[in-house]
Amino acid sequence: MRNLKMNQCGSVSLTRRWYLSTLGILGLASWLTPFVANAKKADAMEAISKIVGSNTIQDGKVKLVIPPLVESGNLVVLKVSIDSPMTASDYVKAVHIIAEANPLPNIFTAYFTPRSGRADVTTRVRLADSQRVWAIAQMSDGSYWQTYADTLVTLSACTEMI
């Protein structure tokens, strides 16, 4: 307790040396903790299985457009469209976007109704690394349709910068 000193009021005051040593320990601890881990392909498959449950997924009806090569994963344009008449009896309920290498595999979910008119979404997403991106469409009849696209990211966006 040599870094503790009594001040004039009789209370304990901490020295500058104590503050600096505490900051040093905290800084060392931050270097020893692992960086945010990216999801693995198994995590993405688990996310997809949670969405579809025991239903089978069919290929087709879904179109996913994402650049095959992006310089930075910070803002990647992603377009999804699903072939559907969007009537009261036949429409897209939701489209789920899953990325294999992001910290969390579920990037986003867009919900539709027959009043949506079209099942199209254009947005920007962050991608942590080169990976496969999945689009899973949930239809009003309970069927699921999928597609995927591979993209190469040359600079990671979802990692901690030092």
N, C-alpha and C. Protein backbone atom coordinates (compact mmCIF):
# COMPACT_ATOMS: atom_id res chain seq x y z
N MET A 1 0.83 -1.20 0.00
CA MET A 1 0.00 0.00 0.00
C MET A 1 0.87 1.25 0.00
N ARG A 2 2.05 1.15 -0.56
CA ARG A 2 2.93 2.31 -0.55
C ARG A 2 2.48 3.39 -1.53
N ASN A 3 1.57 3.07 -2.48
CA ASN A 3 1.07 4.06 -3.43
C ASN A 3 -0.11 4.85 -2.87
N LEU A 4 -0.53 4.52 -1.68
CA LEU A 4 -1.63 5.25 -1.05
C LEU A 4 -1.06 6.30 -0.12
N LYS A 5 -1.60 7.49 -0.13
CA LYS A 5 -1.14 8.57 0.74
C LYS A 5 -2.34 9.21 1.40
N MET A 6 -2.13 9.68 2.59
CA MET A 6 -3.18 10.42 3.30
C MET A 6 -3.09 11.88 2.89
N ASN A 7 -4.24 12.44 2.55
CA ASN A 7 -4.23 13.87 2.25
C ASN A 7 -4.56 14.66 3.50
N GLN A 8 -4.69 15.97 3.41
CA GLN A 8 -4.90 16.84 4.56
C GLN A 8 -6.23 16.59 5.27
N CYS A 9 -7.21 16.10 4.54
CA CYS A 9 -8.53 15.86 5.14
C CYS A 9 -8.62 14.51 5.82
N GLY A 10 -7.57 13.72 5.77
CA GLY A 10 -7.58 12.43 6.43
C GLY A 10 -8.06 11.29 5.54
N SER A 11 -8.41 11.59 4.27
CA SER A 11 -8.84 10.51 3.38
C SER A 11 -7.65 10.05 2.54
N VAL A 12 -7.78 8.89 1.97
CA VAL A 12 -6.70 8.30 1.20
C VAL A 12 -6.73 8.85 -0.22
N SER A 13 -5.60 9.23 -0.73
CA SER A 13 -5.50 9.65 -2.14
C SER A 13 -4.53 8.70 -2.84
N LEU A 14 -4.82 8.40 -4.08
CA LEU A 14 -4.01 7.50 -4.85
C LEU A 14 -2.96 8.29 -5.63
N THR A 15 -1.78 7.69 -5.77
CA THR A 15 -0.71 8.40 -6.46
C THR A 15 -0.81 8.20 -7.97
N ARG A 16 -0.09 9.04 -8.66
CA ARG A 16 -0.04 8.95 -10.11
C ARG A 16 0.56 7.61 -10.54
N ARG A 17 1.52 7.11 -9.78
CA ARG A 17 2.13 5.82 -10.08
C ARG A 17 1.08 4.71 -10.04
N TRP A 18 0.16 4.76 -9.10
CA TRP A 18 -0.90 3.74 -9.00
C TRP A 18 -1.81 3.81 -10.23
N TYR A 19 -2.19 5.00 -10.63
CA TYR A 19 -3.04 5.16 -11.82
C TYR A 19 -2.34 4.62 -13.06
N LEU A 20 -1.07 4.96 -13.25
CA LEU A 20 -0.34 4.51 -14.43
C LEU A 20 -0.17 3.00 -14.44
N SER A 21 0.10 2.40 -13.29
CA SER A 21 0.25 0.94 -13.25
C SER A 21 -1.09 0.26 -13.54
N THR A 22 -2.18 0.83 -13.06
CA THR A 22 -3.51 0.27 -13.33
C THR A 22 -3.83 0.37 -14.82
N LEU A 23 -3.54 1.50 -15.44
CA LEU A 23 -3.76 1.65 -16.88
C LEU A 23 -2.91 0.67 -17.67
N GLY A 24 -1.69 0.43 -17.22
CA GLY A 24 -0.82 -0.53 -17.90
C GLY A 24 -1.38 -1.94 -17.84
N ILE A 25 -1.90 -2.32 -16.70
CA ILE A 25 -2.49 -3.66 -16.54
C ILE A 25 -3.73 -3.78 -17.44
N LEU A 26 -4.56 -2.75 -17.47
CA LEU A 26 -5.75 -2.79 -18.32
C LEU A 26 -5.36 -2.86 -19.79
N GLY A 27 -4.33 -2.13 -20.18
CA GLY A 27 -3.87 -2.18 -21.57
C GLY A 27 -3.34 -3.55 -21.93
N LEU A 28 -2.59 -4.17 -21.03
CA LEU A 28 -2.07 -5.51 -21.28
C LEU A 28 -3.22 -6.52 -21.38
N ALA A 29 -4.23 -6.36 -20.54
CA ALA A 29 -5.37 -7.27 -20.57
C ALA A 29 -6.13 -7.15 -21.90
N SER A 30 -6.23 -5.93 -22.45
CA SER A 30 -6.93 -5.78 -23.72
C SER A 30 -6.16 -6.45 -24.86
N TRP A 31 -4.84 -6.50 -24.78
CA TRP A 31 -4.06 -7.18 -25.81
C TRP A 31 -4.16 -8.70 -25.69
N LEU A 32 -4.38 -9.19 -24.49
CA LEU A 32 -4.44 -10.63 -24.29
C LEU A 32 -5.80 -11.22 -24.64
N THR A 33 -6.85 -10.39 -24.64
CA THR A 33 -8.17 -10.91 -24.99
C THR A 33 -8.25 -11.11 -26.49
N PRO A 34 -8.88 -12.18 -26.95
CA PRO A 34 -8.96 -12.42 -28.39
C PRO A 34 -9.86 -11.40 -29.08
N PHE A 35 -9.57 -11.17 -30.36
CA PHE A 35 -10.41 -10.28 -31.14
C PHE A 35 -11.76 -10.95 -31.37
N VAL A 36 -12.72 -10.19 -31.87
CA VAL A 36 -14.05 -10.74 -32.16
C VAL A 36 -13.91 -11.87 -33.16
N ALA A 37 -14.40 -13.02 -32.80
CA ALA A 37 -14.29 -14.18 -33.68
C ALA A 37 -15.34 -14.12 -34.76
N ASN A 38 -14.95 -14.49 -35.95
CA ASN A 38 -15.90 -14.56 -37.05
C ASN A 38 -16.65 -15.88 -37.00
N ALA A 39 -17.85 -15.86 -37.54
CA ALA A 39 -18.63 -17.09 -37.61
C ALA A 39 -17.95 -18.06 -38.57
N LYS A 40 -18.24 -19.30 -38.42
CA LYS A 40 -17.73 -20.33 -39.31
C LYS A 40 -18.88 -20.81 -40.19
N LYS A 41 -18.54 -21.62 -41.19
CA LYS A 41 -19.56 -22.15 -42.08
C LYS A 41 -20.61 -22.93 -41.29
N ALA A 42 -20.17 -23.64 -40.27
CA ALA A 42 -21.11 -24.40 -39.45
C ALA A 42 -22.10 -23.47 -38.74
N ASP A 43 -21.64 -22.28 -38.32
CA ASP A 43 -22.53 -21.31 -37.68
C ASP A 43 -23.57 -20.81 -38.67
N ALA A 44 -23.16 -20.60 -39.90
CA ALA A 44 -24.10 -20.15 -40.94
C ALA A 44 -25.13 -21.24 -41.23
N MET A 45 -24.67 -22.48 -41.31
CA MET A 45 -25.60 -23.59 -41.57
C MET A 45 -26.58 -23.76 -40.41
N GLU A 46 -26.10 -23.52 -39.18
CA GLU A 46 -26.98 -23.60 -38.01
C GLU A 46 -28.02 -22.48 -38.06
N ALA A 47 -27.62 -21.29 -38.46
CA ALA A 47 -28.56 -20.17 -38.58
C ALA A 47 -29.62 -20.48 -39.63
N ILE A 48 -29.20 -21.07 -40.75
CA ILE A 48 -30.16 -21.43 -41.80
C ILE A 48 -31.12 -22.50 -41.29
N SER A 49 -30.60 -23.49 -40.56
CA SER A 49 -31.48 -24.55 -40.06
C SER A 49 -32.47 -24.03 -39.02
N LYS A 50 -32.09 -23.00 -38.27
CA LYS A 50 -33.04 -22.39 -37.33
C LYS A 50 -34.16 -21.67 -38.07
N ILE A 51 -33.84 -21.12 -39.22
CA ILE A 51 -34.85 -20.40 -40.01
C ILE A 51 -35.83 -21.38 -40.64
N VAL A 52 -35.31 -22.43 -41.27
CA VAL A 52 -36.17 -23.34 -42.04
C VAL A 52 -36.71 -24.51 -41.23
N GLY A 53 -36.11 -24.80 -40.10
CA GLY A 53 -36.56 -25.93 -39.30
C GLY A 53 -36.36 -27.24 -40.05
N SER A 54 -37.40 -28.05 -40.09
CA SER A 54 -37.30 -29.36 -40.77
C SER A 54 -37.72 -29.30 -42.23
N ASN A 55 -38.07 -28.12 -42.73
CA ASN A 55 -38.47 -27.96 -44.13
C ASN A 55 -37.27 -28.10 -45.06
N THR A 56 -37.53 -28.51 -46.27
CA THR A 56 -36.46 -28.59 -47.27
C THR A 56 -36.35 -27.25 -47.99
N ILE A 57 -35.14 -26.96 -48.42
CA ILE A 57 -34.88 -25.72 -49.15
C ILE A 57 -34.66 -26.07 -50.61
N GLN A 58 -35.37 -25.34 -51.47
CA GLN A 58 -35.24 -25.57 -52.91
C GLN A 58 -34.39 -24.46 -53.53
N ASP A 59 -33.70 -24.79 -54.59
CA ASP A 59 -32.93 -23.80 -55.33
C ASP A 59 -33.82 -23.15 -56.38
N GLY A 60 -33.62 -21.85 -56.59
CA GLY A 60 -34.37 -21.12 -57.60
C GLY A 60 -35.20 -20.01 -56.98
N LYS A 61 -35.94 -19.30 -57.79
CA LYS A 61 -36.82 -18.18 -57.43
C LYS A 61 -36.10 -16.99 -56.81
N VAL A 62 -34.95 -17.19 -56.20
CA VAL A 62 -34.25 -16.11 -55.51
C VAL A 62 -33.04 -15.69 -56.34
N LYS A 63 -32.89 -14.39 -56.51
CA LYS A 63 -31.74 -13.85 -57.23
C LYS A 63 -30.98 -12.93 -56.27
N LEU A 64 -29.70 -13.22 -56.06
CA LEU A 64 -28.84 -12.44 -55.18
C LEU A 64 -27.73 -11.84 -56.02
N VAL A 65 -27.61 -10.52 -55.98
CA VAL A 65 -26.56 -9.83 -56.72
C VAL A 65 -25.65 -9.15 -55.72
N ILE A 66 -24.39 -9.55 -55.74
CA ILE A 66 -23.38 -8.97 -54.87
C ILE A 66 -22.08 -8.95 -55.68
N PRO A 67 -21.27 -7.93 -55.57
CA PRO A 67 -20.04 -7.89 -56.37
C PRO A 67 -19.13 -9.08 -56.03
N PRO A 68 -18.54 -9.70 -57.04
CA PRO A 68 -17.66 -10.83 -56.77
C PRO A 68 -16.33 -10.41 -56.13
N LEU A 69 -15.95 -9.15 -56.30
CA LEU A 69 -14.72 -8.63 -55.71
C LEU A 69 -14.99 -7.23 -55.20
N VAL A 70 -14.72 -7.00 -53.91
CA VAL A 70 -14.89 -5.67 -53.33
C VAL A 70 -13.60 -5.26 -52.64
N GLU A 71 -13.26 -4.00 -52.76
CA GLU A 71 -12.03 -3.50 -52.17
C GLU A 71 -12.12 -3.41 -50.66
N SER A 72 -13.28 -3.03 -50.16
CA SER A 72 -13.48 -2.89 -48.72
C SER A 72 -14.84 -3.49 -48.37
N GLY A 73 -14.88 -4.20 -47.27
CA GLY A 73 -16.13 -4.80 -46.84
C GLY A 73 -17.03 -3.86 -46.07
N ASN A 74 -16.66 -2.57 -45.96
CA ASN A 74 -17.45 -1.62 -45.18
C ASN A 74 -18.86 -1.41 -45.74
N LEU A 75 -18.97 -1.17 -47.03
CA LEU A 75 -20.27 -0.93 -47.66
C LEU A 75 -20.36 -1.72 -48.96
N VAL A 76 -20.93 -2.90 -48.86
CA VAL A 76 -21.06 -3.76 -50.03
C VAL A 76 -22.52 -3.74 -50.46
N VAL A 77 -22.76 -3.37 -51.72
CA VAL A 77 -24.13 -3.30 -52.23
C VAL A 77 -24.64 -4.73 -52.44
N LEU A 78 -25.83 -4.99 -51.92
CA LEU A 78 -26.44 -6.30 -52.02
C LEU A 78 -27.87 -6.12 -52.51
N LYS A 79 -28.22 -6.87 -53.56
CA LYS A 79 -29.58 -6.80 -54.12
C LYS A 79 -30.17 -8.19 -54.11
N VAL A 80 -31.40 -8.30 -53.63
CA VAL A 80 -32.11 -9.58 -53.60
C VAL A 80 -33.47 -9.36 -54.24
N SER A 81 -33.84 -10.27 -55.12
CA SER A 81 -35.19 -10.25 -55.68
C SER A 81 -35.71 -11.68 -55.72
N ILE A 82 -36.99 -11.82 -55.45
CA ILE A 82 -37.62 -13.13 -55.42
C ILE A 82 -38.75 -13.14 -56.43
N ASP A 83 -38.79 -14.16 -57.27
CA ASP A 83 -39.83 -14.30 -58.28
C ASP A 83 -41.11 -14.76 -57.59
N SER A 84 -42.08 -13.86 -57.50
CA SER A 84 -43.36 -14.16 -56.86
C SER A 84 -44.42 -13.23 -57.40
N PRO A 85 -45.67 -13.71 -57.57
CA PRO A 85 -46.74 -12.82 -58.05
C PRO A 85 -47.20 -11.81 -56.99
N MET A 86 -46.84 -12.06 -55.73
CA MET A 86 -47.19 -11.17 -54.61
C MET A 86 -48.70 -10.95 -54.53
N THR A 87 -49.46 -12.02 -54.65
CA THR A 87 -50.91 -11.97 -54.47
C THR A 87 -51.24 -12.42 -53.04
N ALA A 88 -52.49 -12.29 -52.66
CA ALA A 88 -52.90 -12.65 -51.31
C ALA A 88 -52.67 -14.14 -51.01
N SER A 89 -52.69 -14.98 -52.03
CA SER A 89 -52.51 -16.41 -51.81
C SER A 89 -51.09 -16.91 -52.12
N ASP A 90 -50.28 -16.08 -52.76
CA ASP A 90 -48.93 -16.50 -53.14
C ASP A 90 -48.00 -15.29 -53.07
N TYR A 91 -47.26 -15.20 -51.97
CA TYR A 91 -46.36 -14.07 -51.78
C TYR A 91 -45.15 -14.48 -50.94
N VAL A 92 -44.16 -13.63 -50.94
CA VAL A 92 -42.95 -13.83 -50.14
C VAL A 92 -43.21 -13.24 -48.75
N LYS A 93 -43.00 -14.04 -47.72
CA LYS A 93 -43.18 -13.55 -46.35
C LYS A 93 -41.91 -12.86 -45.84
N ALA A 94 -40.76 -13.46 -46.15
CA ALA A 94 -39.50 -12.91 -45.63
C ALA A 94 -38.34 -13.40 -46.47
N VAL A 95 -37.27 -12.62 -46.46
CA VAL A 95 -36.00 -13.06 -47.04
C VAL A 95 -34.93 -12.83 -45.98
N HIS A 96 -34.14 -13.87 -45.74
CA HIS A 96 -33.10 -13.85 -44.72
C HIS A 96 -31.74 -13.88 -45.42
N ILE A 97 -30.84 -12.99 -45.01
CA ILE A 97 -29.50 -12.94 -45.59
C ILE A 97 -28.52 -13.44 -44.53
N ILE A 98 -27.75 -14.46 -44.90
CA ILE A 98 -26.81 -15.10 -43.98
C ILE A 98 -25.41 -15.00 -44.59
N ALA A 99 -24.43 -14.62 -43.78
CA ALA A 99 -23.04 -14.53 -44.23
C ALA A 99 -22.19 -15.48 -43.40
N GLU A 100 -21.36 -16.24 -44.05
CA GLU A 100 -20.57 -17.27 -43.38
C GLU A 100 -19.47 -16.73 -42.48
N ALA A 101 -18.86 -15.60 -42.79
CA ALA A 101 -17.67 -15.17 -42.06
C ALA A 101 -17.86 -13.89 -41.25
N ASN A 102 -19.06 -13.38 -41.13
CA ASN A 102 -19.28 -12.21 -40.29
C ASN A 102 -19.32 -12.64 -38.82
N PRO A 103 -19.10 -11.70 -37.89
CA PRO A 103 -19.16 -12.06 -36.47
C PRO A 103 -20.50 -12.70 -36.09
N LEU A 104 -21.58 -12.22 -36.67
CA LEU A 104 -22.91 -12.83 -36.51
C LEU A 104 -23.39 -13.20 -37.90
N PRO A 105 -23.77 -14.45 -38.13
CA PRO A 105 -24.11 -14.87 -39.49
C PRO A 105 -25.37 -14.24 -40.06
N ASN A 106 -26.37 -13.92 -39.24
CA ASN A 106 -27.60 -13.31 -39.74
C ASN A 106 -27.35 -11.83 -40.00
N ILE A 107 -27.24 -11.46 -41.28
CA ILE A 107 -27.00 -10.05 -41.61
C ILE A 107 -28.28 -9.24 -41.44
N PHE A 108 -29.35 -9.69 -42.08
CA PHE A 108 -30.63 -9.02 -41.92
C PHE A 108 -31.76 -9.88 -42.45
N THR A 109 -32.98 -9.49 -42.08
CA THR A 109 -34.19 -10.13 -42.57
C THR A 109 -35.13 -9.03 -43.03
N ALA A 110 -35.69 -9.20 -44.23
CA ALA A 110 -36.69 -8.25 -44.75
C ALA A 110 -38.03 -8.99 -44.82
N TYR A 111 -39.08 -8.33 -44.37
CA TYR A 111 -40.42 -8.92 -44.35
C TYR A 111 -41.29 -8.26 -45.42
N PHE A 112 -42.16 -9.07 -46.03
CA PHE A 112 -43.03 -8.60 -47.10
C PHE A 112 -44.47 -9.01 -46.81
N THR A 113 -45.39 -8.33 -47.47
CA THR A 113 -46.80 -8.69 -47.48
C THR A 113 -47.25 -8.62 -48.94
N PRO A 114 -48.46 -9.09 -49.24
CA PRO A 114 -48.94 -8.95 -50.63
C PRO A 114 -48.99 -7.49 -51.08
N ARG A 115 -49.15 -6.58 -50.13
CA ARG A 115 -49.21 -5.16 -50.47
C ARG A 115 -47.84 -4.57 -50.81
N SER A 116 -46.78 -5.34 -50.62
CA SER A 116 -45.44 -4.87 -50.97
C SER A 116 -45.28 -4.69 -52.48
N GLY A 117 -46.07 -5.42 -53.24
CA GLY A 117 -46.02 -5.28 -54.69
C GLY A 117 -44.93 -6.11 -55.33
N ARG A 118 -43.69 -5.96 -54.88
CA ARG A 118 -42.57 -6.73 -55.38
C ARG A 118 -41.73 -7.19 -54.20
N ALA A 119 -41.06 -8.28 -54.38
CA ALA A 119 -40.16 -8.78 -53.35
C ALA A 119 -38.73 -8.48 -53.77
N ASP A 120 -38.36 -7.21 -53.66
CA ASP A 120 -37.01 -6.75 -54.02
C ASP A 120 -36.44 -5.96 -52.85
N VAL A 121 -35.16 -6.16 -52.59
CA VAL A 121 -34.46 -5.40 -51.55
C VAL A 121 -33.09 -5.02 -52.08
N THR A 122 -32.73 -3.77 -51.91
CA THR A 122 -31.38 -3.31 -52.20
C THR A 122 -30.88 -2.60 -50.96
N THR A 123 -29.71 -2.99 -50.49
CA THR A 123 -29.15 -2.39 -49.29
C THR A 123 -27.64 -2.48 -49.34
N ARG A 124 -27.00 -1.98 -48.33
CA ARG A 124 -25.55 -2.09 -48.17
C ARG A 124 -25.28 -2.85 -46.88
N VAL A 125 -24.33 -3.75 -46.94
CA VAL A 125 -23.99 -4.56 -45.78
C VAL A 125 -22.50 -4.50 -45.52
N ARG A 126 -22.10 -4.88 -44.31
CA ARG A 126 -20.68 -5.00 -43.98
C ARG A 126 -20.31 -6.47 -44.03
N LEU A 127 -19.22 -6.75 -44.69
CA LEU A 127 -18.72 -8.12 -44.76
C LEU A 127 -17.33 -8.17 -44.15
N ALA A 128 -17.12 -9.11 -43.26
CA ALA A 128 -15.87 -9.19 -42.52
C ALA A 128 -14.73 -9.75 -43.35
N ASP A 129 -15.05 -10.61 -44.30
CA ASP A 129 -13.99 -11.30 -45.02
C ASP A 129 -14.57 -11.88 -46.31
N SER A 130 -13.73 -12.46 -47.11
CA SER A 130 -14.21 -13.17 -48.30
C SER A 130 -15.08 -14.32 -47.83
N GLN A 131 -16.25 -14.49 -48.46
CA GLN A 131 -17.18 -15.47 -47.94
C GLN A 131 -18.32 -15.72 -48.90
N ARG A 132 -19.14 -16.69 -48.53
CA ARG A 132 -20.37 -17.00 -49.24
C ARG A 132 -21.52 -16.33 -48.50
N VAL A 133 -22.39 -15.68 -49.25
CA VAL A 133 -23.57 -15.01 -48.69
C VAL A 133 -24.80 -15.75 -49.22
N TRP A 134 -25.69 -16.10 -48.31
CA TRP A 134 -26.89 -16.86 -48.65
C TRP A 134 -28.12 -15.96 -48.57
N ALA A 135 -29.07 -16.20 -49.46
CA ALA A 135 -30.38 -15.55 -49.40
C ALA A 135 -31.42 -16.67 -49.33
N ILE A 136 -32.21 -16.67 -48.26
CA ILE A 136 -33.23 -17.69 -48.03
C ILE A 136 -34.59 -16.99 -48.04
N ALA A 137 -35.46 -17.36 -48.97
CA ALA A 137 -36.79 -16.76 -49.07
C ALA A 137 -37.83 -17.70 -48.46
N GLN A 138 -38.65 -17.14 -47.60
CA GLN A 138 -39.75 -17.88 -46.98
C GLN A 138 -41.04 -17.46 -47.68
N MET A 139 -41.73 -18.42 -48.29
CA MET A 139 -42.94 -18.12 -49.05
C MET A 139 -44.19 -18.31 -48.18
N SER A 140 -45.30 -17.76 -48.63
CA SER A 140 -46.55 -17.84 -47.87
C SER A 140 -47.08 -19.27 -47.78
N ASP A 141 -46.71 -20.14 -48.71
CA ASP A 141 -47.17 -21.54 -48.65
C ASP A 141 -46.30 -22.41 -47.76
N GLY A 142 -45.31 -21.82 -47.11
CA GLY A 142 -44.43 -22.56 -46.20
C GLY A 142 -43.18 -23.11 -46.86
N SER A 143 -43.00 -22.89 -48.15
CA SER A 143 -41.81 -23.38 -48.83
C SER A 143 -40.66 -22.39 -48.65
N TYR A 144 -39.45 -22.90 -48.81
CA TYR A 144 -38.25 -22.09 -48.70
C TYR A 144 -37.43 -22.25 -49.97
N TRP A 145 -36.90 -21.13 -50.45
CA TRP A 145 -36.09 -21.10 -51.65
C TRP A 145 -34.78 -20.41 -51.32
N GLN A 146 -33.70 -20.80 -51.99
CA GLN A 146 -32.40 -20.23 -51.65
C GLN A 146 -31.55 -19.99 -52.87
N THR A 147 -30.55 -19.17 -52.66
CA THR A 147 -29.44 -19.00 -53.58
C THR A 147 -28.27 -18.47 -52.76
N TYR A 148 -27.11 -18.42 -53.37
CA TYR A 148 -25.94 -17.87 -52.69
C TYR A 148 -25.03 -17.21 -53.72
N ALA A 149 -24.13 -16.40 -53.20
CA ALA A 149 -23.11 -15.75 -54.03
C ALA A 149 -21.82 -15.68 -53.23
N ASP A 150 -20.72 -15.88 -53.90
CA ASP A 150 -19.41 -15.77 -53.26
C ASP A 150 -18.83 -14.40 -53.58
N THR A 151 -18.17 -13.82 -52.59
CA THR A 151 -17.54 -12.53 -52.80
C THR A 151 -16.15 -12.54 -52.16
N LEU A 152 -15.23 -11.83 -52.78
CA LEU A 152 -13.86 -11.72 -52.29
C LEU A 152 -13.68 -10.31 -51.74
N VAL A 153 -13.41 -10.21 -50.44
CA VAL A 153 -13.20 -8.91 -49.79
C VAL A 153 -11.71 -8.75 -49.55
N THR A 154 -11.15 -7.66 -50.06
CA THR A 154 -9.71 -7.46 -49.93
C THR A 154 -9.32 -6.74 -48.65
N LEU A 155 -10.24 -6.02 -48.00
CA LEU A 155 -9.96 -5.33 -46.74
C LEU A 155 -11.13 -5.61 -45.82
N SER A 156 -10.85 -6.15 -44.65
CA SER A 156 -11.89 -6.55 -43.72
C SER A 156 -12.55 -5.35 -43.06
N ALA A 157 -13.88 -5.43 -42.83
CA ALA A 157 -14.62 -4.32 -42.25
C ALA A 157 -15.11 -4.61 -40.85
N CYS A 158 -15.34 -5.86 -40.49
CA CYS A 158 -15.94 -6.19 -39.20
C CYS A 158 -14.91 -6.68 -38.20
N THR A 159 -13.71 -6.15 -38.23
CA THR A 159 -12.70 -6.54 -37.26
C THR A 159 -12.27 -5.30 -36.49
N GLU A 160 -11.67 -5.53 -35.37
CA GLU A 160 -11.20 -4.44 -34.53
C GLU A 160 -9.95 -3.85 -35.12
N MET A 161 -9.93 -2.56 -35.29
CA MET A 161 -8.76 -1.89 -35.85
C MET A 161 -7.86 -1.43 -34.72
N ILE A 162 -6.56 -1.55 -34.92
CA ILE A 162 -5.59 -1.16 -33.87
C ILE A 162 -4.89 0.09 -34.31
